[in-house]
Amino acid sequence: MISITIFIVFISFYLFYKTSKKTVKHSPKKLDKWIVKNNPFTKIIASILLLISIIANIYLFGFTSGFLLFFILLMTVGSLIIMIAPLKLIQYKSVLILFITSLLFELFIF
């Protein structure tokens, strides 16, 4: 379940990153164009995803540790996106493969 919350935080922070006016928008992908075109709707989706993630963390780990874990995840994923996204290293296929791999490890090993 922690892999799912990490993935939700990643998606929501990436959506907020893409809708920022300070980022350089030079991505020819259809999804990125849609994100930039529908800026207010994308921010609403990203806010809802962050809310879902914080609720899931609080449900899984309790109020204080879930809240703390959420902010640790947000800082870690946020700094990772800010460092890697300008280099164009975030590909949808690689993110999906990484998510599926971590979810499988979480389900079968732990």
N, C-alpha and C. Protein backbone atom coordinates (compact mmCIF):
# COMPACT_ATOMS: atom_id res chain seq x y z
N MET A 1 0.81 -1.19 0.00
CA MET A 1 0.00 0.00 0.00
C MET A 1 0.86 1.26 0.00
N ILE A 2 2.04 1.19 0.57
CA ILE A 2 2.91 2.36 0.59
C ILE A 2 3.38 2.71 -0.82
N SER A 3 3.54 1.70 -1.67
CA SER A 3 3.93 1.96 -3.05
C SER A 3 2.86 2.75 -3.78
N ILE A 4 1.62 2.46 -3.48
CA ILE A 4 0.51 3.18 -4.12
C ILE A 4 0.49 4.63 -3.66
N THR A 5 0.71 4.87 -2.37
CA THR A 5 0.71 6.25 -1.89
C THR A 5 1.90 7.03 -2.44
N ILE A 6 3.04 6.37 -2.58
CA ILE A 6 4.21 7.03 -3.18
C ILE A 6 3.91 7.39 -4.64
N PHE A 7 3.27 6.48 -5.34
CA PHE A 7 2.93 6.73 -6.74
C PHE A 7 1.91 7.86 -6.88
N ILE A 8 0.94 7.92 -5.97
CA ILE A 8 -0.05 9.00 -6.02
C ILE A 8 0.61 10.35 -5.72
N VAL A 9 1.51 10.38 -4.76
CA VAL A 9 2.24 11.62 -4.45
C VAL A 9 3.09 12.02 -5.66
N PHE A 10 3.72 11.04 -6.31
CA PHE A 10 4.54 11.33 -7.48
C PHE A 10 3.69 11.94 -8.60
N ILE A 11 2.54 11.34 -8.88
CA ILE A 11 1.68 11.85 -9.94
C ILE A 11 1.18 13.25 -9.62
N SER A 12 0.74 13.46 -8.39
CA SER A 12 0.20 14.77 -8.05
C SER A 12 1.27 15.85 -8.07
N PHE A 13 2.46 15.56 -7.56
CA PHE A 13 3.51 16.57 -7.60
C PHE A 13 3.96 16.83 -9.04
N TYR A 14 3.98 15.79 -9.86
CA TYR A 14 4.35 15.98 -11.27
C TYR A 14 3.31 16.84 -11.99
N LEU A 15 2.04 16.64 -11.67
CA LEU A 15 1.00 17.49 -12.26
C LEU A 15 1.16 18.94 -11.82
N PHE A 16 1.43 19.15 -10.53
CA PHE A 16 1.68 20.51 -10.07
C PHE A 16 2.92 21.10 -10.72
N TYR A 17 3.94 20.30 -10.93
CA TYR A 17 5.17 20.76 -11.58
C TYR A 17 4.90 21.18 -13.02
N LYS A 18 4.13 20.38 -13.73
CA LYS A 18 3.83 20.68 -15.13
C LYS A 18 2.93 21.89 -15.30
N THR A 19 2.08 22.19 -14.31
CA THR A 19 1.19 23.34 -14.43
C THR A 19 1.84 24.63 -13.93
N SER A 20 3.05 24.55 -13.42
CA SER A 20 3.74 25.74 -12.95
C SER A 20 4.10 26.65 -14.11
N LYS A 21 4.03 27.94 -13.88
CA LYS A 21 4.36 28.90 -14.93
C LYS A 21 5.86 29.09 -15.09
N LYS A 22 6.64 28.63 -14.12
CA LYS A 22 8.08 28.81 -14.17
C LYS A 22 8.81 27.71 -14.93
N THR A 23 8.14 26.61 -15.22
CA THR A 23 8.80 25.52 -15.92
C THR A 23 8.80 25.78 -17.42
N VAL A 24 9.79 25.25 -18.08
CA VAL A 24 9.88 25.36 -19.53
C VAL A 24 9.03 24.25 -20.14
N LYS A 25 8.12 24.64 -21.01
CA LYS A 25 7.19 23.67 -21.59
C LYS A 25 7.60 23.38 -23.02
N HIS A 26 8.36 22.32 -23.18
CA HIS A 26 8.84 21.94 -24.50
C HIS A 26 8.64 20.46 -24.77
N SER A 27 7.61 19.90 -24.19
CA SER A 27 7.36 18.48 -24.35
C SER A 27 6.31 18.25 -25.43
N PRO A 28 6.62 17.42 -26.42
CA PRO A 28 5.67 17.20 -27.51
C PRO A 28 4.63 16.12 -27.22
N LYS A 29 4.60 15.57 -26.02
CA LYS A 29 3.67 14.50 -25.71
C LYS A 29 2.25 15.03 -25.56
N LYS A 30 1.29 14.20 -25.95
CA LYS A 30 -0.12 14.62 -25.91
C LYS A 30 -0.59 14.88 -24.49
N LEU A 31 -0.17 14.02 -23.57
CA LEU A 31 -0.61 14.18 -22.18
C LEU A 31 -0.06 15.48 -21.58
N ASP A 32 1.17 15.81 -21.88
CA ASP A 32 1.76 17.05 -21.37
C ASP A 32 1.07 18.27 -21.96
N LYS A 33 0.70 18.19 -23.22
CA LYS A 33 -0.04 19.30 -23.83
C LYS A 33 -1.40 19.46 -23.19
N TRP A 34 -2.06 18.34 -22.88
CA TRP A 34 -3.36 18.40 -22.23
C TRP A 34 -3.24 18.99 -20.83
N ILE A 35 -2.18 18.63 -20.12
CA ILE A 35 -1.96 19.14 -18.77
C ILE A 35 -1.81 20.65 -18.80
N VAL A 36 -1.03 21.16 -19.74
CA VAL A 36 -0.80 22.60 -19.84
C VAL A 36 -2.08 23.31 -20.31
N LYS A 37 -2.81 22.69 -21.21
CA LYS A 37 -4.02 23.29 -21.76
C LYS A 37 -5.12 23.40 -20.71
N ASN A 38 -5.29 22.39 -19.90
CA ASN A 38 -6.33 22.35 -18.86
C ASN A 38 -5.73 22.60 -17.48
N ASN A 39 -5.11 23.73 -17.32
CA ASN A 39 -4.37 24.06 -16.11
C ASN A 39 -5.23 24.03 -14.84
N PRO A 40 -6.38 24.71 -14.77
CA PRO A 40 -7.15 24.68 -13.51
C PRO A 40 -7.69 23.29 -13.17
N PHE A 41 -8.14 22.57 -14.17
CA PHE A 41 -8.66 21.22 -13.94
C PHE A 41 -7.56 20.29 -13.46
N THR A 42 -6.37 20.44 -14.01
CA THR A 42 -5.23 19.61 -13.60
C THR A 42 -4.83 19.89 -12.16
N LYS A 43 -4.89 21.16 -11.76
CA LYS A 43 -4.56 21.49 -10.37
C LYS A 43 -5.59 20.92 -9.40
N ILE A 44 -6.84 20.87 -9.81
CA ILE A 44 -7.88 20.26 -8.97
C ILE A 44 -7.61 18.76 -8.83
N ILE A 45 -7.29 18.11 -9.94
CA ILE A 45 -6.98 16.67 -9.90
C ILE A 45 -5.78 16.41 -9.00
N ALA A 46 -4.74 17.22 -9.12
CA ALA A 46 -3.54 17.03 -8.31
C ALA A 46 -3.84 17.25 -6.83
N SER A 47 -4.67 18.23 -6.51
CA SER A 47 -5.04 18.47 -5.11
C SER A 47 -5.83 17.30 -4.54
N ILE A 48 -6.74 16.76 -5.33
CA ILE A 48 -7.53 15.61 -4.87
C ILE A 48 -6.62 14.40 -4.65
N LEU A 49 -5.65 14.20 -5.54
CA LEU A 49 -4.72 13.08 -5.37
C LEU A 49 -3.87 13.25 -4.11
N LEU A 50 -3.42 14.47 -3.83
CA LEU A 50 -2.67 14.70 -2.59
C LEU A 50 -3.53 14.44 -1.37
N LEU A 51 -4.78 14.84 -1.43
CA LEU A 51 -5.69 14.59 -0.32
C LEU A 51 -5.93 13.10 -0.11
N ILE A 52 -6.08 12.36 -1.20
CA ILE A 52 -6.24 10.90 -1.11
C ILE A 52 -5.00 10.27 -0.49
N SER A 53 -3.83 10.75 -0.89
CA SER A 53 -2.59 10.19 -0.36
C SER A 53 -2.44 10.46 1.14
N ILE A 54 -2.74 11.66 1.56
CA ILE A 54 -2.59 11.96 2.98
C ILE A 54 -3.61 11.18 3.81
N ILE A 55 -4.82 11.01 3.29
CA ILE A 55 -5.83 10.22 4.00
C ILE A 55 -5.40 8.75 4.09
N ALA A 56 -4.84 8.23 3.00
CA ALA A 56 -4.38 6.84 3.01
C ALA A 56 -3.23 6.64 4.00
N ASN A 57 -2.31 7.59 4.03
CA ASN A 57 -1.19 7.48 4.98
C ASN A 57 -1.67 7.56 6.42
N ILE A 58 -2.61 8.45 6.69
CA ILE A 58 -3.15 8.56 8.05
C ILE A 58 -3.91 7.29 8.42
N TYR A 59 -4.64 6.72 7.47
CA TYR A 59 -5.38 5.48 7.74
C TYR A 59 -4.43 4.31 8.01
N LEU A 60 -3.33 4.24 7.25
CA LEU A 60 -2.41 3.12 7.38
C LEU A 60 -1.53 3.20 8.62
N PHE A 61 -1.04 4.41 8.94
CA PHE A 61 -0.01 4.53 9.96
C PHE A 61 -0.43 5.32 11.19
N GLY A 62 -1.65 5.79 11.25
CA GLY A 62 -2.08 6.62 12.37
C GLY A 62 -1.90 8.08 12.02
N PHE A 63 -2.44 8.95 12.88
CA PHE A 63 -2.47 10.37 12.53
C PHE A 63 -1.09 11.00 12.44
N THR A 64 -0.33 10.91 13.50
CA THR A 64 0.96 11.62 13.53
C THR A 64 1.97 11.01 12.58
N SER A 65 2.15 9.72 12.62
CA SER A 65 3.15 9.10 11.73
C SER A 65 2.69 9.13 10.27
N GLY A 66 1.40 9.04 10.00
CA GLY A 66 0.91 9.15 8.64
C GLY A 66 1.11 10.54 8.07
N PHE A 67 0.84 11.55 8.90
CA PHE A 67 1.05 12.94 8.50
C PHE A 67 2.53 13.20 8.25
N LEU A 68 3.39 12.72 9.14
CA LEU A 68 4.83 12.89 8.98
C LEU A 68 5.35 12.14 7.76
N LEU A 69 4.89 10.92 7.55
CA LEU A 69 5.30 10.15 6.39
C LEU A 69 4.86 10.83 5.09
N PHE A 70 3.67 11.40 5.09
CA PHE A 70 3.20 12.10 3.90
C PHE A 70 4.13 13.25 3.54
N PHE A 71 4.51 14.05 4.52
CA PHE A 71 5.39 15.18 4.22
C PHE A 71 6.80 14.74 3.86
N ILE A 72 7.27 13.66 4.43
CA ILE A 72 8.58 13.13 4.03
C ILE A 72 8.52 12.64 2.58
N LEU A 73 7.44 11.94 2.23
CA LEU A 73 7.26 11.50 0.85
C LEU A 73 7.16 12.68 -0.10
N LEU A 74 6.42 13.70 0.29
CA LEU A 74 6.25 14.87 -0.55
C LEU A 74 7.58 15.58 -0.80
N MET A 75 8.39 15.71 0.23
CA MET A 75 9.69 16.36 0.07
C MET A 75 10.63 15.51 -0.78
N THR A 76 10.64 14.22 -0.57
CA THR A 76 11.54 13.34 -1.31
C THR A 76 11.15 13.27 -2.78
N VAL A 77 9.89 13.00 -3.04
CA VAL A 77 9.42 12.90 -4.42
C VAL A 77 9.52 14.25 -5.12
N GLY A 78 9.20 15.32 -4.40
CA GLY A 78 9.29 16.65 -4.99
C GLY A 78 10.71 17.02 -5.40
N SER A 79 11.67 16.75 -4.55
CA SER A 79 13.05 17.06 -4.91
C SER A 79 13.53 16.17 -6.05
N LEU A 80 13.08 14.94 -6.09
CA LEU A 80 13.44 14.05 -7.19
C LEU A 80 12.87 14.56 -8.52
N ILE A 81 11.63 14.98 -8.52
CA ILE A 81 11.02 15.50 -9.75
C ILE A 81 11.68 16.79 -10.19
N ILE A 82 11.97 17.67 -9.26
CA ILE A 82 12.59 18.94 -9.62
C ILE A 82 13.98 18.73 -10.19
N MET A 83 14.70 17.71 -9.73
CA MET A 83 16.04 17.45 -10.26
C MET A 83 16.01 16.71 -11.59
N ILE A 84 15.08 15.78 -11.75
CA ILE A 84 15.12 14.88 -12.91
C ILE A 84 14.26 15.36 -14.08
N ALA A 85 13.16 16.05 -13.81
CA ALA A 85 12.24 16.44 -14.89
C ALA A 85 12.88 17.38 -15.93
N PRO A 86 13.69 18.36 -15.55
CA PRO A 86 14.30 19.19 -16.60
C PRO A 86 15.27 18.42 -17.51
N LEU A 87 15.78 17.32 -17.03
CA LEU A 87 16.68 16.51 -17.85
C LEU A 87 15.93 15.56 -18.79
N LYS A 88 14.60 15.59 -18.70
CA LYS A 88 13.71 14.75 -19.51
C LYS A 88 13.95 13.26 -19.28
N LEU A 89 14.25 12.90 -18.04
CA LEU A 89 14.47 11.50 -17.70
C LEU A 89 13.22 10.81 -17.20
N ILE A 90 12.15 11.56 -16.98
CA ILE A 90 10.90 10.96 -16.52
C ILE A 90 10.09 10.56 -17.74
N GLN A 91 10.05 9.27 -17.98
CA GLN A 91 9.26 8.71 -19.07
C GLN A 91 8.11 7.93 -18.46
N TYR A 92 6.97 7.95 -19.12
CA TYR A 92 5.79 7.30 -18.55
C TYR A 92 5.98 5.79 -18.43
N LYS A 93 6.63 5.19 -19.38
CA LYS A 93 6.84 3.75 -19.33
C LYS A 93 7.77 3.36 -18.18
N SER A 94 8.83 4.11 -18.00
CA SER A 94 9.77 3.77 -16.93
C SER A 94 9.16 4.00 -15.55
N VAL A 95 8.34 5.03 -15.40
CA VAL A 95 7.67 5.27 -14.13
C VAL A 95 6.68 4.14 -13.84
N LEU A 96 5.96 3.70 -14.85
CA LEU A 96 5.01 2.60 -14.67
C LEU A 96 5.71 1.29 -14.33
N ILE A 97 6.83 1.02 -15.00
CA ILE A 97 7.59 -0.20 -14.71
C ILE A 97 8.15 -0.16 -13.28
N LEU A 98 8.65 0.99 -12.88
CA LEU A 98 9.17 1.15 -11.52
C LEU A 98 8.06 0.96 -10.48
N PHE A 99 6.88 1.51 -10.75
CA PHE A 99 5.75 1.36 -9.83
C PHE A 99 5.31 -0.10 -9.73
N ILE A 100 5.18 -0.77 -10.84
CA ILE A 100 4.76 -2.17 -10.82
C ILE A 100 5.79 -3.04 -10.12
N THR A 101 7.06 -2.79 -10.35
CA THR A 101 8.12 -3.55 -9.70
C THR A 101 8.10 -3.35 -8.18
N SER A 102 7.98 -2.11 -7.75
CA SER A 102 7.95 -1.85 -6.31
C SER A 102 6.69 -2.42 -5.67
N LEU A 103 5.57 -2.38 -6.39
CA LEU A 103 4.34 -2.96 -5.86
C LEU A 103 4.45 -4.48 -5.72
N LEU A 104 5.07 -5.11 -6.71
CA LEU A 104 5.27 -6.56 -6.63
C LEU A 104 6.20 -6.93 -5.48
N PHE A 105 7.28 -6.18 -5.32
CA PHE A 105 8.19 -6.43 -4.19
C PHE A 105 7.45 -6.26 -2.86
N GLU A 106 6.64 -5.23 -2.78
CA GLU A 106 5.92 -4.98 -1.53
C GLU A 106 4.92 -6.10 -1.23
N LEU A 107 4.25 -6.58 -2.25
CA LEU A 107 3.22 -7.60 -2.04
C LEU A 107 3.81 -8.98 -1.76
N PHE A 108 4.88 -9.34 -2.47
CA PHE A 108 5.38 -10.71 -2.36
C PHE A 108 6.54 -10.88 -1.38
N ILE A 109 7.31 -9.86 -1.13
CA ILE A 109 8.44 -10.00 -0.23
C ILE A 109 8.07 -9.58 1.18
N PHE A 110 7.39 -8.46 1.32
CA PHE A 110 7.06 -7.99 2.66
C PHE A 110 5.71 -8.52 3.01
